[in-house]
Amino acid sequence: MGYAEDKQLHDSIELVGMRTQATTVGLIQLAIELRRAGVLDQGAIDRIKGVIANEISLNRPRSIPAEQFQTHLRNRLDRLFSGEDAVGEVGPEVIAPHR
């Protein structure tokens, strides 16, 4: 999807109130379980992580360079989807720590 489509989906999700931690936890756990069961391959998991990264990037703090934000965000998503990190509230320093 392009920026316009990503933004439209973002606005639609915002309107129905699906931007909750519980939904995120459920989605990540579902993806992990489907991967373990062999229903989803790594390509599907990567596409899921990609759309999540695009959604989150729509609200990137302008003080953080886009490339740095994307790198740290994708690393965080990799850790979440592998089960290495727990899902929870995080501040910008976790997604894009300043060096």
Protein backbone atom coordinates (compact mmCIF):
# COMPACT_ATOMS: atom_id res chain seq x y z
CA MET A 1 0.00 0.00 0.00
CA GLY A 2 1.05 3.58 -0.53
CA TYR A 3 0.91 6.48 1.90
CA ALA A 4 -2.66 7.50 0.95
CA GLU A 5 -3.97 3.98 1.43
CA ASP A 6 -2.05 3.57 4.70
CA LYS A 7 -3.46 6.86 5.99
CA GLN A 8 -7.02 5.92 5.01
CA LEU A 9 -6.72 2.57 6.81
CA HIS A 10 -5.21 4.35 9.83
CA ASP A 11 -8.14 6.78 9.97
CA SER A 12 -10.68 3.96 9.59
CA ILE A 13 -9.14 1.94 12.41
CA GLU A 14 -8.99 5.04 14.59
CA LEU A 15 -12.70 5.66 14.02
CA VAL A 16 -13.75 2.20 15.21
CA GLY A 17 -11.46 2.31 18.26
CA MET A 18 -9.33 -0.72 17.40
CA ARG A 19 -6.09 0.93 18.45
CA THR A 20 -5.85 -0.88 21.77
CA GLN A 21 -3.10 -2.82 23.43
CA ALA A 22 -5.35 -5.87 23.73
CA THR A 23 -5.85 -6.00 19.97
CA THR A 24 -2.11 -5.73 19.43
CA VAL A 25 -1.31 -8.47 21.91
CA GLY A 26 -3.92 -10.73 20.32
CA LEU A 27 -2.66 -10.09 16.80
CA ILE A 28 0.95 -10.80 17.70
CA GLN A 29 0.05 -13.95 19.61
CA LEU A 30 -2.18 -15.13 16.76
CA ALA A 31 0.63 -14.59 14.26
CA ILE A 32 3.08 -16.48 16.50
CA GLU A 33 0.66 -19.41 16.87
CA LEU A 34 -0.14 -19.54 13.16
CA ARG A 35 3.58 -19.49 12.35
CA ARG A 36 4.26 -22.33 14.80
CA ALA A 37 1.40 -24.34 13.30
CA GLY A 38 2.82 -23.86 9.82
CA VAL A 39 -0.20 -21.91 8.59
CA LEU A 40 1.81 -18.72 8.00
CA ASP A 41 5.23 -18.68 6.41
CA GLN A 42 7.94 -16.13 7.18
CA GLY A 43 6.89 -14.04 4.18
CA ALA A 44 3.41 -13.61 5.63
CA ILE A 45 4.85 -12.65 9.03
CA ASP A 46 7.13 -10.13 7.33
CA ARG A 47 4.16 -8.61 5.46
CA ILE A 48 2.21 -8.32 8.74
CA LYS A 49 5.17 -6.62 10.39
CA GLY A 50 5.49 -4.34 7.36
CA VAL A 51 1.95 -3.01 7.54
CA ILE A 52 2.29 -2.53 11.30
CA ALA A 53 5.53 -0.59 10.75
CA ASN A 54 3.86 1.57 8.10
CA GLU A 55 0.97 2.34 10.45
CA ILE A 56 3.24 3.26 13.34
CA SER A 57 5.47 5.35 11.08
CA LEU A 58 2.54 7.58 10.17
CA ASN A 59 2.90 9.08 13.67
CA ARG A 60 6.70 9.11 13.86
CA PRO A 61 8.04 11.91 16.04
CA ARG A 62 9.53 14.44 13.63
CA SER A 63 12.54 14.82 15.92
CA ILE A 64 13.67 11.28 15.05
CA PRO A 65 15.11 10.68 11.57
CA ALA A 66 12.85 8.38 9.51
CA GLU A 67 15.59 5.86 8.74
CA GLN A 68 16.62 5.56 12.40
CA PHE A 69 12.97 5.23 13.46
CA GLN A 70 12.30 2.50 10.88
CA THR A 71 15.41 0.53 11.85
CA HIS A 72 14.59 0.50 15.54
CA LEU A 73 10.88 -0.11 14.90
CA ARG A 74 11.56 -3.12 12.70
CA ASN A 75 14.00 -4.51 15.27
CA ARG A 76 11.34 -4.12 17.96
CA LEU A 77 8.73 -5.84 15.78
CA ASP A 78 11.15 -8.68 15.08
CA ARG A 79 11.63 -9.18 18.83
CA LEU A 80 7.88 -9.00 19.51
CA PHE A 81 6.93 -11.47 16.79
CA SER A 82 9.65 -13.89 17.85
CA GLY A 83 8.33 -13.82 21.43
CA GLU A 84 11.65 -12.39 22.63
CA ASP A 85 10.04 -9.15 23.92
CA ALA A 86 6.77 -8.75 25.78
CA VAL A 87 4.08 -6.52 24.31
CA GLY A 88 3.42 -3.43 26.37
CA GLU A 89 3.51 0.30 26.58
CA VAL A 90 6.78 1.73 25.36
CA GLY A 91 8.04 5.23 24.90
CA PRO A 92 9.85 6.60 21.88
CA GLU A 93 13.20 5.78 23.49
CA VAL A 94 12.50 2.06 23.07
CA ILE A 95 11.57 2.32 19.39
CA ALA A 96 14.18 4.93 18.45
CA PRO A 97 16.70 5.55 21.22
CA HIS A 98 18.86 8.61 20.81
CA ARG A 99 22.55 7.87 20.49
